[in-house]
């Protein structure tokens, strides 16, 4: 990467933003579910992460979220559209154990399908 640093888009923190994304577009992928909504402004793309207790204990949930955060940092920085909110929802038994390159490909494919 020779010095260029990919940065994470701003992170969603408010419950209302997560609920609004859940009511909008959804794209299921093998590694996770991607929810997205167009906020209708020109602000930066934002991203949120959620992993329910269905994923397992705290160790498994935290591992899944760490992996989703890294996938978002690597891919969303160049593929996300301004003014959009994205929420990555972890899947039980898959997100924490799926091959990392496959997770990255899942996000790229999900964004392509969503923005057609």
PDB file of N, CA and C in Angstrom:
ATOM      1  N   UNK A   1       0.802  -1.190   0.000  1.00  0.00           N
ATOM      2  CA  UNK A   1       0.000   0.000   0.000  1.00  0.00           C
ATOM      3  C   UNK A   1       0.849   1.260   0.000  1.00  0.00           C
ATOM      4  N   UNK A   2       2.087   1.145   0.276  1.00  0.00           N
ATOM      5  CA  UNK A   2       3.066   2.227   0.174  1.00  0.00           C
ATOM      6  C   UNK A   2       2.592   3.545   0.753  1.00  0.00           C
ATOM      7  N   UNK A   3       2.221   3.527   2.041  1.00  0.00           N
ATOM      8  CA  UNK A   3       1.943   4.775   2.728  1.00  0.00           C
ATOM      9  C   UNK A   3       0.502   5.239   2.677  1.00  0.00           C
ATOM     10  N   UNK A   4      -0.293   4.816   1.694  1.00  0.00           N
ATOM     11  CA  UNK A   4      -1.679   5.269   1.660  1.00  0.00           C
ATOM     12  C   UNK A   4      -2.448   4.528   2.737  1.00  0.00           C
ATOM     13  N   UNK A   5      -3.260   5.248   3.441  1.00  0.00           N
ATOM     14  CA  UNK A   5      -3.974   4.684   4.584  1.00  0.00           C
ATOM     15  C   UNK A   5      -5.463   4.726   4.307  1.00  0.00           C
ATOM     16  N   UNK A   6      -6.108   3.573   4.295  1.00  0.00           N
ATOM     17  CA  UNK A   6      -7.548   3.520   4.137  1.00  0.00           C
ATOM     18  C   UNK A   6      -8.183   3.847   5.477  1.00  0.00           C
ATOM     19  N   UNK A   7      -9.209   4.661   5.453  1.00  0.00           N
ATOM     20  CA  UNK A   7      -9.848   5.024   6.713  1.00  0.00           C
ATOM     21  C   UNK A   7     -11.268   4.485   6.749  1.00  0.00           C
ATOM     22  N   UNK A   8     -11.716   4.241   7.941  1.00  0.00           N
ATOM     23  CA  UNK A   8     -13.070   3.752   8.167  1.00  0.00           C
ATOM     24  C   UNK A   8     -14.045   4.907   7.976  1.00  0.00           C
ATOM     25  N   UNK A   9     -15.144   4.660   7.266  1.00  0.00           N
ATOM     26  CA  UNK A   9     -16.174   5.695   7.189  1.00  0.00           C
ATOM     27  C   UNK A   9     -16.706   5.984   8.594  1.00  0.00           C
ATOM     28  N   UNK A  10     -17.364   7.130   8.783  1.00  0.00           N
ATOM     29  CA  UNK A  10     -17.946   7.414  10.106  1.00  0.00           C
ATOM     30  C   UNK A  10     -18.883   6.270  10.526  1.00  0.00           C
ATOM     31  N   UNK A  11     -18.924   5.997  11.813  1.00  0.00           N
ATOM     32  CA  UNK A  11     -19.673   4.858  12.332  1.00  0.00           C
ATOM     33  C   UNK A  11     -21.027   5.309  12.869  1.00  0.00           C
ATOM     34  N   UNK A  12     -22.064   4.532  12.539  1.00  0.00           N
ATOM     35  CA  UNK A  12     -23.408   4.792  13.063  1.00  0.00           C
ATOM     36  C   UNK A  12     -23.434   4.471  14.550  1.00  0.00           C
ATOM     37  N   UNK A  13     -24.082   5.330  15.337  1.00  0.00           N
ATOM     38  CA  UNK A  13     -24.189   5.084  16.769  1.00  0.00           C
ATOM     39  C   UNK A  13     -25.625   5.179  17.263  1.00  0.00           C
ATOM     40  N   UNK A  14     -26.474   5.888  16.551  1.00  0.00           N
ATOM     41  CA  UNK A  14     -27.841   6.103  17.016  1.00  0.00           C
ATOM     42  C   UNK A  14     -28.758   4.963  16.567  1.00  0.00           C
ATOM     43  N   UNK A  15     -29.588   4.499  17.476  1.00  0.00           N
ATOM     44  CA  UNK A  15     -30.512   3.399  17.190  1.00  0.00           C
ATOM     45  C   UNK A  15     -31.426   3.737  16.023  1.00  0.00           C
ATOM     46  N   UNK A  16     -31.866   4.988  15.930  1.00  0.00           N
ATOM     47  CA  UNK A  16     -32.768   5.403  14.847  1.00  0.00           C
ATOM     48  C   UNK A  16     -32.125   5.186  13.478  1.00  0.00           C
ATOM     49  N   UNK A  17     -30.812   5.397  13.371  1.00  0.00           N
ATOM     50  CA  UNK A  17     -30.118   5.176  12.097  1.00  0.00           C
ATOM     51  C   UNK A  17     -30.098   3.694  11.734  1.00  0.00           C
ATOM     52  N   UNK A  18     -29.900   2.820  12.742  1.00  0.00           N
ATOM     53  CA  UNK A  18     -29.924   1.376  12.489  1.00  0.00           C
ATOM     54  C   UNK A  18     -31.319   0.930  12.053  1.00  0.00           C
ATOM     55  N   UNK A  19     -32.350   1.462  12.717  1.00  0.00           N
ATOM     56  CA  UNK A  19     -33.722   1.092  12.375  1.00  0.00           C
ATOM     57  C   UNK A  19     -34.099   1.571  10.978  1.00  0.00           C
ATOM     58  N   UNK A  20     -33.652   2.764  10.610  1.00  0.00           N
ATOM     59  CA  UNK A  20     -33.938   3.289   9.271  1.00  0.00           C
ATOM     60  C   UNK A  20     -33.271   2.420   8.202  1.00  0.00           C
ATOM     61  N   UNK A  21     -32.048   1.987   8.461  1.00  0.00           N
ATOM     62  CA  UNK A  21     -31.358   1.107   7.497  1.00  0.00           C
ATOM     63  C   UNK A  21     -32.068  -0.246   7.412  1.00  0.00           C
ATOM     64  N   UNK A  22     -32.584  -0.729   8.520  1.00  0.00           N
ATOM     65  CA  UNK A  22     -33.263  -2.024   8.524  1.00  0.00           C
ATOM     66  C   UNK A  22     -34.558  -1.977   7.710  1.00  0.00           C
ATOM     67  N   UNK A  23     -35.164  -0.795   7.604  1.00  0.00           N
ATOM     68  CA  UNK A  23     -36.397  -0.654   6.829  1.00  0.00           C
ATOM     69  C   UNK A  23     -36.127  -0.441   5.346  1.00  0.00           C
ATOM     70  N   UNK A  24     -34.888  -0.272   4.966  1.00  0.00           N
ATOM     71  CA  UNK A  24     -34.544   0.041   3.576  1.00  0.00           C
ATOM     72  C   UNK A  24     -34.060  -1.206   2.835  1.00  0.00           C
ATOM     73  N   UNK A  25     -33.115  -1.018   1.935  1.00  0.00           N
ATOM     74  CA  UNK A  25     -32.610  -2.108   1.089  1.00  0.00           C
ATOM     75  C   UNK A  25     -31.846  -3.152   1.896  1.00  0.00           C
ATOM     76  N   UNK A  26     -31.966  -4.403   1.457  1.00  0.00           N
ATOM     77  CA  UNK A  26     -31.229  -5.504   2.087  1.00  0.00           C
ATOM     78  C   UNK A  26     -30.627  -6.380   1.010  1.00  0.00           C
ATOM     79  N   UNK A  27     -29.422  -6.860   1.284  1.00  0.00           N
ATOM     80  CA  UNK A  27     -28.776  -7.796   0.371  1.00  0.00           C
ATOM     81  C   UNK A  27     -28.118  -8.880   1.207  1.00  0.00           C
ATOM     82  N   UNK A  28     -28.659 -10.080   1.143  1.00  0.00           N
ATOM     83  CA  UNK A  28     -28.084 -11.194   1.878  1.00  0.00           C
ATOM     84  C   UNK A  28     -26.892 -11.773   1.143  1.00  0.00           C
ATOM     85  N   UNK A  29     -25.850 -12.032   1.868  1.00  0.00           N
ATOM     86  CA  UNK A  29     -24.644 -12.643   1.325  1.00  0.00           C
ATOM     87  C   UNK A  29     -24.275 -13.818   2.236  1.00  0.00           C
ATOM     88  N   UNK A  30     -23.423 -14.720   1.767  1.00  0.00           N
ATOM     89  CA  UNK A  30     -23.075 -15.866   2.622  1.00  0.00           C
ATOM     90  C   UNK A  30     -22.465 -15.464   3.968  1.00  0.00           C
ATOM     91  N   UNK A  31     -21.670 -14.400   3.998  1.00  0.00           N
ATOM     92  CA  UNK A  31     -20.966 -14.031   5.220  1.00  0.00           C
ATOM     93  C   UNK A  31     -21.704 -13.077   6.136  1.00  0.00           C
ATOM     94  N   UNK A  32     -22.673 -12.342   5.614  1.00  0.00           N
ATOM     95  CA  UNK A  32     -23.381 -11.342   6.416  1.00  0.00           C
ATOM     96  C   UNK A  32     -24.580 -10.832   5.641  1.00  0.00           C
ATOM     97  N   UNK A  33     -25.386 -10.025   6.291  1.00  0.00           N
ATOM     98  CA  UNK A  33     -26.496  -9.332   5.658  1.00  0.00           C
ATOM     99  C   UNK A  33     -26.102  -7.861   5.571  1.00  0.00           C
ATOM    100  N   UNK A  34     -26.274  -7.259   4.405  1.00  0.00           N
ATOM    101  CA  UNK A  34     -25.993  -5.836   4.240  1.00  0.00           C
ATOM    102  C   UNK A  34     -27.318  -5.095   4.125  1.00  0.00           C
ATOM    103  N   UNK A  35     -27.510  -4.109   4.996  1.00  0.00           N
ATOM    104  CA  UNK A  35     -28.666  -3.226   4.928  1.00  0.00           C
ATOM    105  C   UNK A  35     -28.137  -1.856   4.527  1.00  0.00           C
ATOM    106  N   UNK A  36     -28.882  -1.152   3.681  1.00  0.00           N
ATOM    107  CA  UNK A  36     -28.399   0.153   3.229  1.00  0.00           C
ATOM    108  C   UNK A  36     -29.567   1.078   2.952  1.00  0.00           C
ATOM    109  N   UNK A  37     -29.326   2.364   3.138  1.00  0.00           N
ATOM    110  CA  UNK A  37     -30.348   3.353   2.802  1.00  0.00           C
ATOM    111  C   UNK A  37     -29.679   4.628   2.314  1.00  0.00           C
ATOM    112  N   UNK A  38     -30.361   5.287   1.411  1.00  0.00           N
ATOM    113  CA  UNK A  38     -29.917   6.576   0.892  1.00  0.00           C
ATOM    114  C   UNK A  38     -30.516   7.647   1.793  1.00  0.00           C
ATOM    115  N   UNK A  39     -29.666   8.397   2.479  1.00  0.00           N
ATOM    116  CA  UNK A  39     -30.150   9.445   3.380  1.00  0.00           C
ATOM    117  C   UNK A  39     -30.680  10.648   2.620  1.00  0.00           C
ATOM    118  N   UNK A  40     -30.271  10.796   1.365  1.00  0.00           N
ATOM    119  CA  UNK A  40     -30.734  11.922   0.574  1.00  0.00           C
ATOM    120  C   UNK A  40     -29.919  13.185   0.777  1.00  0.00           C
ATOM    121  N   UNK A  41     -28.718  13.056   1.313  1.00  0.00           N
ATOM    122  CA  UNK A  41     -27.841  14.226   1.446  1.00  0.00           C
ATOM    123  C   UNK A  41     -26.490  13.906   0.803  1.00  0.00           C
ATOM    124  N   UNK A  42     -25.581  14.851   0.843  1.00  0.00           N
ATOM    125  CA  UNK A  42     -24.258  14.652   0.244  1.00  0.00           C
ATOM    126  C   UNK A  42     -23.177  14.391   1.279  1.00  0.00           C
ATOM    127  N   UNK A  43     -23.593  14.042   2.491  1.00  0.00           N
ATOM    128  CA  UNK A  43     -22.623  13.761   3.554  1.00  0.00           C
ATOM    129  C   UNK A  43     -21.860  12.488   3.273  1.00  0.00           C
ATOM    130  N   UNK A  44     -20.892  12.200   4.107  1.00  0.00           N
ATOM    131  CA  UNK A  44     -20.088  10.990   3.896  1.00  0.00           C
ATOM    132  C   UNK A  44     -20.917   9.735   4.140  1.00  0.00           C
ATOM    133  N   UNK A  45     -20.523   8.659   3.510  1.00  0.00           N
ATOM    134  CA  UNK A  45     -21.147   7.357   3.783  1.00  0.00           C
ATOM    135  C   UNK A  45     -20.841   6.997   5.228  1.00  0.00           C
ATOM    136  N   UNK A  46     -21.800   6.333   5.875  1.00  0.00           N
ATOM    137  CA  UNK A  46     -21.603   5.903   7.256  1.00  0.00           C
ATOM    138  C   UNK A  46     -21.832   4.397   7.320  1.00  0.00           C
ATOM    139  N   UNK A  47     -21.257   3.773   8.330  1.00  0.00           N
ATOM    140  CA  UNK A  47     -21.364   2.321   8.451  1.00  0.00           C
ATOM    141  C   UNK A  47     -21.649   1.942   9.903  1.00  0.00           C
ATOM    142  N   UNK A  48     -22.430   0.875  10.064  1.00  0.00           N
ATOM    143  CA  UNK A  48     -22.721   0.335  11.383  1.00  0.00           C
ATOM    144  C   UNK A  48     -22.561  -1.175  11.360  1.00  0.00           C
ATOM    145  N   UNK A  49     -22.417  -1.745  12.532  1.00  0.00           N
ATOM    146  CA  UNK A  49     -22.197  -3.185  12.652  1.00  0.00           C
ATOM    147  C   UNK A  49     -23.090  -3.719  13.754  1.00  0.00           C
ATOM    148  N   UNK A  50     -23.655  -4.890  13.532  1.00  0.00           N
ATOM    149  CA  UNK A  50     -24.445  -5.510  14.574  1.00  0.00           C
ATOM    150  C   UNK A  50     -24.274  -7.023  14.522  1.00  0.00           C
ATOM    151  N   UNK A  51     -24.128  -7.595  15.692  1.00  0.00           N
ATOM    152  CA  UNK A  51     -23.998  -9.035  15.845  1.00  0.00           C
ATOM    153  C   UNK A  51     -24.819  -9.428  17.069  1.00  0.00           C
ATOM    154  N   UNK A  52     -25.886 -10.170  16.846  1.00  0.00           N
ATOM    155  CA  UNK A  52     -26.766 -10.540  17.955  1.00  0.00           C
ATOM    156  C   UNK A  52     -26.189 -11.710  18.738  1.00  0.00           C
ATOM    157  N   UNK A  53     -26.852 -12.042  19.834  1.00  0.00           N
ATOM    158  CA  UNK A  53     -26.404 -13.154  20.664  1.00  0.00           C
ATOM    159  C   UNK A  53     -26.567 -14.500  19.957  1.00  0.00           C
ATOM    160  N   UNK A  54     -27.285 -14.515  18.830  1.00  0.00           N
ATOM    161  CA  UNK A  54     -27.411 -15.743  18.042  1.00  0.00           C
ATOM    162  C   UNK A  54     -26.047 -16.185  17.499  1.00  0.00           C
ATOM    163  N   UNK A  55     -25.109 -15.237  17.399  1.00  0.00           N
ATOM    164  CA  UNK A  55     -23.786 -15.565  16.883  1.00  0.00           C
ATOM    165  C   UNK A  55     -22.962 -16.371  17.873  1.00  0.00           C
ATOM    166  N   UNK A  56     -23.331 -16.306  19.138  1.00  0.00           N
ATOM    167  CA  UNK A  56     -22.572 -17.043  20.149  1.00  0.00           C
ATOM    168  C   UNK A  56     -22.220 -16.149  21.320  1.00  0.00           C
ATOM    169  N   UNK A  57     -21.195 -16.565  22.033  1.00  0.00           N
ATOM    170  CA  UNK A  57     -20.797 -15.806  23.219  1.00  0.00           C
ATOM    171  C   UNK A  57     -20.093 -14.507  22.819  1.00  0.00           C
ATOM    172  N   UNK A  58     -19.693 -13.727  23.811  1.00  0.00           N
ATOM    173  CA  UNK A  58     -19.089 -12.416  23.555  1.00  0.00           C
ATOM    174  C   UNK A  58     -17.823 -12.527  22.710  1.00  0.00           C
ATOM    175  N   UNK A  59     -17.057 -13.576  22.914  1.00  0.00           N
ATOM    176  CA  UNK A  59     -15.824 -13.754  22.147  1.00  0.00           C
ATOM    177  C   UNK A  59     -16.142 -13.899  20.659  1.00  0.00           C
ATOM    178  N   UNK A  60     -17.134 -14.716  20.327  1.00  0.00           N
ATOM    179  CA  UNK A  60     -17.509 -14.920  18.925  1.00  0.00           C
ATOM    180  C   UNK A  60     -18.106 -13.649  18.317  1.00  0.00           C
ATOM    181  N   UNK A  61     -18.955 -12.952  19.087  1.00  0.00           N
ATOM    182  CA  UNK A  61     -19.551 -11.714  18.576  1.00  0.00           C
ATOM    183  C   UNK A  61     -18.485 -10.658  18.322  1.00  0.00           C
ATOM    184  N   UNK A  62     -17.551 -10.534  19.235  1.00  0.00           N
ATOM    185  CA  UNK A  62     -16.490  -9.535  19.065  1.00  0.00           C
ATOM    186  C   UNK A  62     -15.592  -9.884  17.888  1.00  0.00           C
ATOM    187  N   UNK A  63     -15.293 -11.156  17.711  1.00  0.00           N
ATOM    188  CA  UNK A  63     -14.475 -11.562  16.566  1.00  0.00           C
ATOM    189  C   UNK A  63     -15.195 -11.248  15.261  1.00  0.00           C
ATOM    190  N   UNK A  64     -16.491 -11.554  15.207  1.00  0.00           N
ATOM    191  CA  UNK A  64     -17.275 -11.277  14.003  1.00  0.00           C
ATOM    192  C   UNK A  64     -17.293  -9.779  13.722  1.00  0.00           C
ATOM    193  N   UNK A  65     -17.490  -8.960  14.747  1.00  0.00           N
ATOM    194  CA  UNK A  65     -17.522  -7.500  14.533  1.00  0.00           C
ATOM    195  C   UNK A  65     -16.164  -6.961  14.101  1.00  0.00           C
ATOM    196  N   UNK A  66     -15.092  -7.481  14.678  1.00  0.00           N
ATOM    197  CA  UNK A  66     -13.750  -7.046  14.256  1.00  0.00           C
ATOM    198  C   UNK A  66     -13.525  -7.349  12.780  1.00  0.00           C
ATOM    199  N   UNK A  67     -13.946  -8.525  12.350  1.00  0.00           N
ATOM    200  CA  UNK A  67     -13.774  -8.909  10.947  1.00  0.00           C
ATOM    201  C   UNK A  67     -14.624  -8.024  10.042  1.00  0.00           C
ATOM    202  N   UNK A  68     -15.870  -7.743  10.441  1.00  0.00           N
ATOM    203  CA  UNK A  68     -16.735  -6.880   9.640  1.00  0.00           C
ATOM    204  C   UNK A  68     -16.168  -5.459   9.568  1.00  0.00           C
ATOM    205  N   UNK A  69     -15.623  -4.966  10.682  1.00  0.00           N
ATOM    206  CA  UNK A  69     -15.023  -3.624  10.670  1.00  0.00           C
ATOM    207  C   UNK A  69     -13.848  -3.546   9.695  1.00  0.00           C
ATOM    208  N   UNK A  70     -13.029  -4.586   9.676  1.00  0.00           N
ATOM    209  CA  UNK A  70     -11.872  -4.581   8.776  1.00  0.00           C
ATOM    210  C   UNK A  70     -12.313  -4.682   7.322  1.00  0.00           C
ATOM    211  N   UNK A  71     -13.311  -5.500   7.042  1.00  0.00           N
ATOM    212  CA  UNK A  71     -13.846  -5.597   5.676  1.00  0.00           C
ATOM    213  C   UNK A  71     -14.368  -4.229   5.244  1.00  0.00           C
ATOM    214  N   UNK A  72     -15.110  -3.563   6.119  1.00  0.00           N
ATOM    215  CA  UNK A  72     -15.659  -2.243   5.790  1.00  0.00           C
ATOM    216  C   UNK A  72     -14.535  -1.232   5.572  1.00  0.00           C
ATOM    217  N   UNK A  73     -13.502  -1.282   6.403  1.00  0.00           N
ATOM    218  CA  UNK A  73     -12.390  -0.334   6.251  1.00  0.00           C
ATOM    219  C   UNK A  73     -11.699  -0.525   4.911  1.00  0.00           C
ATOM    220  N   UNK A  74     -11.519  -1.773   4.509  1.00  0.00           N
ATOM    221  CA  UNK A  74     -10.808  -2.049   3.262  1.00  0.00           C
ATOM    222  C   UNK A  74     -11.641  -1.774   2.019  1.00  0.00           C
ATOM    223  N   UNK A  75     -12.936  -2.053   2.068  1.00  0.00           N
ATOM    224  CA  UNK A  75     -13.755  -1.978   0.856  1.00  0.00           C
ATOM    225  C   UNK A  75     -14.669  -0.760   0.784  1.00  0.00           C
ATOM    226  N   UNK A  76     -15.286  -0.385   1.897  1.00  0.00           N
ATOM    227  CA  UNK A  76     -16.246   0.720   1.837  1.00  0.00           C
ATOM    228  C   UNK A  76     -15.581   2.062   1.544  1.00  0.00           C
ATOM    229  N   UNK A  77     -14.323   2.201   1.911  1.00  0.00           N
ATOM    230  CA  UNK A  77     -13.655   3.488   1.693  1.00  0.00           C
ATOM    231  C   UNK A  77     -13.650   3.881   0.216  1.00  0.00           C
ATOM    232  N   UNK A  78     -13.659   2.884  -0.686  1.00  0.00           N
ATOM    233  CA  UNK A  78     -13.660   3.237  -2.109  1.00  0.00           C
ATOM    234  C   UNK A  78     -14.951   2.880  -2.834  1.00  0.00           C
ATOM    235  N   UNK A  79     -15.803   2.018  -2.255  1.00  0.00           N
ATOM    236  CA  UNK A  79     -17.004   1.577  -2.949  1.00  0.00           C
ATOM    237  C   UNK A  79     -18.294   2.216  -2.442  1.00  0.00           C
ATOM    238  N   UNK A  80     -18.254   2.803  -1.251  1.00  0.00           N
ATOM    239  CA  UNK A  80     -19.469   3.382  -0.680  1.00  0.00           C
ATOM    240  C   UNK A  80     -19.854   4.666  -1.406  1.00  0.00           C
ATOM    241  N   UNK A  81     -21.137   4.918  -1.467  1.00  0.00           N
ATOM    242  CA  UNK A  81     -21.633   6.148  -2.089  1.00  0.00           C
ATOM    243  C   UNK A  81     -21.885   7.204  -1.025  1.00  0.00           C
ATOM    244  N   UNK A  82     -21.536   8.454  -1.321  1.00  0.00           N
ATOM    245  CA  UNK A  82     -21.824   9.527  -0.362  1.00  0.00           C
ATOM    246  C   UNK A  82     -23.322   9.620  -0.085  1.00  0.00           C
ATOM    247  N   UNK A  83     -23.657   9.912   1.158  1.00  0.00           N
ATOM    248  CA  UNK A  83     -25.055  10.067   1.528  1.00  0.00           C
ATOM    249  C   UNK A  83     -25.765   8.766   1.844  1.00  0.00           C
ATOM    250  N   UNK A  84     -25.037   7.662   1.917  1.00  0.00           N
ATOM    251  CA  UNK A  84     -25.643   6.364   2.209  1.00  0.00           C
ATOM    252  C   UNK A  84     -25.205   5.874   3.583  1.00  0.00           C
ATOM    253  N   UNK A  85     -26.102   5.130   4.243  1.00  0.00           N
ATOM    254  CA  UNK A  85     -25.786   4.420   5.480  1.00  0.00           C
ATOM    255  C   UNK A  85     -25.772   2.933   5.172  1.00  0.00           C
ATOM    256  N   UNK A  86     -24.770   2.237   5.680  1.00  0.00           N
ATOM    257  CA  UNK A  86     -24.644   0.798   5.487  1.00  0.00           C
ATOM    258  C   UNK A  86     -24.551   0.130   6.856  1.00  0.00           C
ATOM    259  N   UNK A  87     -25.269  -0.976   7.034  1.00  0.00           N
ATOM    260  CA  UNK A  87     -25.185  -1.762   8.262  1.00  0.00           C
ATOM    261  C   UNK A  87     -24.842  -3.194   7.882  1.00  0.00           C
ATOM    262  N   UNK A  88     -23.771  -3.707   8.454  1.00  0.00           N
ATOM    263  CA  UNK A  88     -23.365  -5.094   8.237  1.00  0.00           C
ATOM    264  C   UNK A  88     -23.823  -5.915   9.436  1.00  0.00           C
ATOM    265  N   UNK A  89     -24.636  -6.924   9.172  1.00  0.00           N
ATOM    266  CA  UNK A  89     -25.205  -7.764  10.219  1.00  0.00           C
ATOM    267  C   UNK A  89     -24.544  -9.133  10.149  1.00  0.00           C
ATOM    268  N   UNK A  90     -23.903  -9.530  11.230  1.00  0.00           N
ATOM    269  CA  UNK A  90     -23.218 -10.817  11.266  1.00  0.00           C
ATOM    270  C   UNK A  90     -24.177 -11.991  11.214  1.00  0.00           C
ATOM    271  N   UNK A  91     -23.711 -13.102  10.630  1.00  0.00           N
ATOM    272  CA  UNK A  91     -24.508 -14.330  10.535  1.00  0.00           C
ATOM    273  C   UNK A  91     -23.931 -15.394  11.472  1.00  0.00           C
ATOM    274  N   UNK A  92     -24.825 -16.133  12.150  1.00  0.00           N
ATOM    275  CA  UNK A  92     -24.347 -17.196  13.058  1.00  0.00           C
ATOM    276  C   UNK A  92     -23.509 -18.236  12.313  1.00  0.00           C
ATOM    277  N   UNK A  93     -22.446 -18.681  12.944  1.00  0.00           N
ATOM    278  CA  UNK A  93     -21.578 -19.753  12.452  1.00  0.00           C
ATOM    279  C   UNK A  93     -20.854 -19.437  11.147  1.00  0.00           C
ATOM    280  N   UNK A  94     -20.983 -18.229  10.620  1.00  0.00           N
ATOM    281  CA  UNK A  94     -20.358 -17.943   9.331  1.00  0.00           C
ATOM    282  C   UNK A  94     -19.408 -16.754   9.416  1.00  0.00           C
ATOM    283  N   UNK A  95     -19.878 -15.629   9.942  1.00  0.00           N
ATOM    284  CA  UNK A  95     -19.094 -14.395   9.899  1.00  0.00           C
ATOM    285  C   UNK A  95     -17.740 -14.549  10.584  1.00  0.00           C
ATOM    286  N   UNK A  96     -17.706 -15.207  11.726  1.00  0.00           N
ATOM    287  CA  UNK A  96     -16.454 -15.334  12.470  1.00  0.00           C
ATOM    288  C   UNK A  96     -15.509 -16.365  11.862  1.00  0.00           C
ATOM    289  N   UNK A  97     -16.031 -17.279  11.040  1.00  0.00           N
ATOM    290  CA  UNK A  97     -15.182 -18.366  10.531  1.00  0.00           C
ATOM    291  C   UNK A  97     -14.966 -18.335   9.027  1.00  0.00           C
ATOM    292  N   UNK A  98     -15.717 -17.534   8.292  1.00  0.00           N
ATOM    293  CA  UNK A  98     -15.589 -17.507   6.826  1.00  0.00           C
ATOM    294  C   UNK A  98     -14.222 -16.946   6.427  1.00  0.00           C
ATOM    295  N   UNK A  99     -13.698 -17.441   5.332  1.00  0.00           N
ATOM    296  CA  UNK A  99     -12.428 -16.954   4.802  1.00  0.00           C
ATOM    297  C   UNK A  99     -12.500 -15.434   4.617  1.00  0.00           C
ATOM    298  N   UNK A 100     -11.463 -14.725   5.047  1.00  0.00           N
ATOM    299  CA  UNK A 100     -11.505 -13.266   5.035  1.00  0.00           C
ATOM    300  C   UNK A 100     -11.630 -12.702   3.622  1.00  0.00           C
ATOM    301  N   UNK A 101     -10.929 -13.286   2.673  1.00  0.00           N
ATOM    302  CA  UNK A 101     -11.025 -12.821   1.284  1.00  0.00           C
ATOM    303  C   UNK A 101     -12.447 -13.005   0.758  1.00  0.00           C
ATOM    304  N   UNK A 102     -13.100 -14.084   1.168  1.00  0.00           N
ATOM    305  CA  UNK A 102     -14.484 -14.317   0.749  1.00  0.00           C
ATOM    306  C   UNK A 102     -15.411 -13.260   1.351  1.00  0.00           C
ATOM    307  N   UNK A 103     -15.155 -12.861   2.604  1.00  0.00           N
ATOM    308  CA  UNK A 103     -15.957 -11.789   3.210  1.00  0.00           C
ATOM    309  C   UNK A 103     -15.797 -10.483   2.432  1.00  0.00           C
ATOM    310  N   UNK A 104     -14.577 -10.182   2.031  1.00  0.00           N
ATOM    311  CA  UNK A 104     -14.323  -8.962   1.242  1.00  0.00           C
ATOM    312  C   UNK A 104     -15.059  -9.030  -0.091  1.00  0.00           C
ATOM    313  N   UNK A 105     -15.008 -10.181  -0.743  1.00  0.00           N
ATOM    314  CA  UNK A 105     -15.720 -10.355  -2.011  1.00  0.00           C
ATOM    315  C   UNK A 105     -17.226 -10.240  -1.812  1.00  0.00           C
ATOM    316  N   UNK A 106     -17.729 -10.780  -0.699  1.00  0.00           N
ATOM    317  CA  UNK A 106     -19.160 -10.673  -0.397  1.00  0.00           C
ATOM    318  C   UNK A 106     -19.597  -9.212  -0.338  1.00  0.00           C
ATOM    319  N   UNK A 107     -18.795  -8.367   0.309  1.00  0.00           N
ATOM    320  CA  UNK A 107     -19.164  -6.960   0.417  1.00  0.00           C
ATOM    321  C   UNK A 107     -19.140  -6.278  -0.946  1.00  0.00           C
ATOM    322  N   UNK A 108     -18.141  -6.564  -1.745  1.00  0.00           N
ATOM    323  CA  UNK A 108     -18.069  -5.958  -3.081  1.00  0.00           C
ATOM    324  C   UNK A 108     -19.272  -6.363  -3.918  1.00  0.00           C
ATOM    325  N   UNK A 109     -19.625  -7.641  -3.895  1.00  0.00           N
ATOM    326  CA  UNK A 109     -20.776  -8.119  -4.665  1.00  0.00           C
ATOM    327  C   UNK A 109     -22.081  -7.517  -4.147  1.00  0.00           C
ATOM    328  N   UNK A 110     -22.218  -7.441  -2.846  1.00  0.00           N
ATOM    329  CA  UNK A 110     -23.448  -6.882  -2.259  1.00  0.00           C
ATOM    330  C   UNK A 110     -23.615  -5.409  -2.648  1.00  0.00           C
ATOM    331  N   UNK A 111     -22.531  -4.647  -2.630  1.00  0.00           N
ATOM    332  CA  UNK A 111     -22.618  -3.230  -3.010  1.00  0.00           C
ATOM    333  C   UNK A 111     -22.947  -3.071  -4.476  1.00  0.00           C
ATOM    334  N   UNK A 112     -22.351  -3.918  -5.333  1.00  0.00           N
ATOM    335  CA  UNK A 112     -22.676  -3.860  -6.767  1.00  0.00           C
ATOM    336  C   UNK A 112     -24.154  -4.133  -6.999  1.00  0.00           C
ATOM    337  N   UNK A 113     -24.684  -5.179  -6.346  1.00  0.00           N
ATOM    338  CA  UNK A 113     -26.101  -5.512  -6.522  1.00  0.00           C
ATOM    339  C   UNK A 113     -27.009  -4.403  -5.988  1.00  0.00           C
ATOM    340  N   UNK A 114     -26.616  -3.823  -4.871  1.00  0.00           N
ATOM    341  CA  UNK A 114     -27.450  -2.807  -4.237  1.00  0.00           C
ATOM    342  C   UNK A 114     -27.513  -1.515  -5.053  1.00  0.00           C
ATOM    343  N   UNK A 115     -26.428  -1.162  -5.700  1.00  0.00           N
ATOM    344  CA  UNK A 115     -26.342   0.115  -6.409  1.00  0.00           C
ATOM    345  C   UNK A 115     -26.611  -0.005  -7.895  1.00  0.00           C
ATOM    346  N   UNK A 116     -27.181  -1.119  -8.342  1.00  0.00           N
ATOM    347  CA  UNK A 116     -27.529  -1.260  -9.760  1.00  0.00           C
ATOM    348  C   UNK A 116     -28.582  -0.272 -10.140  1.00  0.00           C
TER     349      UNK A 116
END
